[in-house]
Amino acid sequence: MNPMVYLSITITAKDESPVIDRVIRSVINQIERTDINYELILVDNYSKDDTYNIMKKYVNERIKVYRYKGRKGAARNFALL
């Protein structure tokens, strides 16, 4: 792994339980084929479905999950803090 290259990937979602697992796995599969040091930031915009629970399955040293209660655009900004 190249310590000089660092990539932050953010995914925000609200009520996306039918697709969020596939989206996260796709990103992980693509980035792990590379030599890039990365972090994946998942932000649930206070979903009413199972989106947040699906996201929590992926938590590890590189993948962080947050729950943000507010407007959708504000959740994207929160992910960048």
Protein backbone atom coordinates (compact mmCIF):
# COMPACT_ATOMS: atom_id res chain seq x y z
CA MET A 1 0.00 0.00 0.00
CA ASN A 2 1.29 3.40 -0.94
CA PRO A 3 1.25 5.58 2.21
CA MET A 4 1.62 8.72 0.09
CA VAL A 5 -1.78 8.28 -1.55
CA TYR A 6 -4.87 8.70 0.62
CA LEU A 7 -8.44 8.72 -0.61
CA SER A 8 -11.58 9.63 1.33
CA ILE A 9 -14.81 8.27 -0.12
CA THR A 10 -18.17 9.45 1.19
CA ILE A 11 -21.54 7.85 0.66
CA THR A 12 -24.68 9.50 2.00
CA ALA A 13 -28.03 7.76 1.88
CA LYS A 14 -31.59 8.02 3.09
CA ASP A 15 -34.01 5.10 2.87
CA GLU A 16 -31.82 3.19 0.42
CA SER A 17 -31.89 -0.26 2.04
CA PRO A 18 -32.70 -2.05 -1.25
CA VAL A 19 -29.41 -0.90 -2.82
CA ILE A 20 -27.00 0.35 -0.14
CA ASP A 21 -25.36 -3.02 0.50
CA ARG A 22 -24.57 -3.42 -3.19
CA VAL A 23 -23.24 0.15 -3.41
CA ILE A 24 -20.90 -0.28 -0.45
CA ARG A 25 -19.62 -3.66 -1.65
CA SER A 26 -18.99 -2.22 -5.10
CA VAL A 27 -16.89 0.64 -3.73
CA ILE A 28 -14.93 -1.69 -1.46
CA ASN A 29 -14.27 -4.18 -4.26
CA GLN A 30 -13.03 -1.47 -6.59
CA ILE A 31 -10.76 0.31 -4.12
CA GLU A 32 -9.23 -2.86 -2.69
CA ARG A 33 -7.94 -3.79 -6.15
CA THR A 34 -5.66 -0.77 -5.95
CA ASP A 35 -2.65 0.25 -3.90
CA ILE A 36 -4.44 3.24 -2.38
CA ASN A 37 -4.77 3.94 1.32
CA TYR A 38 -8.41 4.91 1.87
CA GLU A 39 -11.21 5.66 4.27
CA LEU A 40 -14.89 5.14 3.55
CA ILE A 41 -17.32 7.45 5.33
CA LEU A 42 -20.94 6.31 5.34
CA VAL A 43 -23.60 8.78 6.46
CA ASP A 44 -27.17 7.75 7.02
CA ASN A 45 -29.57 10.68 6.77
CA TYR A 46 -31.85 9.30 9.50
CA SER A 47 -33.48 6.63 7.34
CA LYS A 48 -36.77 5.07 8.33
CA ASP A 49 -35.79 1.75 6.74
CA ASP A 50 -32.84 -0.58 7.45
CA THR A 51 -30.17 1.55 5.71
CA TYR A 52 -28.32 2.47 8.91
CA ASN A 53 -28.18 -1.14 10.15
CA ILE A 54 -26.82 -2.31 6.81
CA MET A 55 -24.13 0.39 6.91
CA LYS A 56 -23.10 -0.60 10.46
CA LYS A 57 -22.16 -4.11 9.24
CA TYR A 58 -19.15 -2.60 7.47
CA VAL A 59 -17.57 -0.67 10.35
CA ASN A 60 -13.85 -1.29 10.73
CA GLU A 61 -10.62 0.74 10.99
CA ARG A 62 -11.18 2.22 7.51
CA ILE A 63 -14.95 2.42 7.37
CA LYS A 64 -16.84 4.80 9.64
CA VAL A 65 -20.62 5.15 9.91
CA TYR A 66 -22.50 8.19 11.11
CA ARG A 67 -26.16 9.00 11.49
CA TYR A 68 -27.16 12.56 10.69
CA LYS A 69 -30.59 14.00 11.32
CA GLY A 70 -31.12 16.95 9.03
CA ARG A 71 -31.58 17.93 5.43
CA LYS A 72 -30.10 15.66 2.78
CA GLY A 73 -27.67 18.29 1.49
CA ALA A 74 -26.50 18.96 5.02
CA ALA A 75 -25.69 15.25 5.45
CA ARG A 76 -23.34 15.45 2.46
CA ASN A 77 -21.64 18.46 4.03
CA PHE A 78 -21.41 16.63 7.38
CA ALA A 79 -19.52 13.81 5.64
CA LEU A 80 -16.86 16.29 4.55
CA LEU A 81 -16.09 17.59 8.04
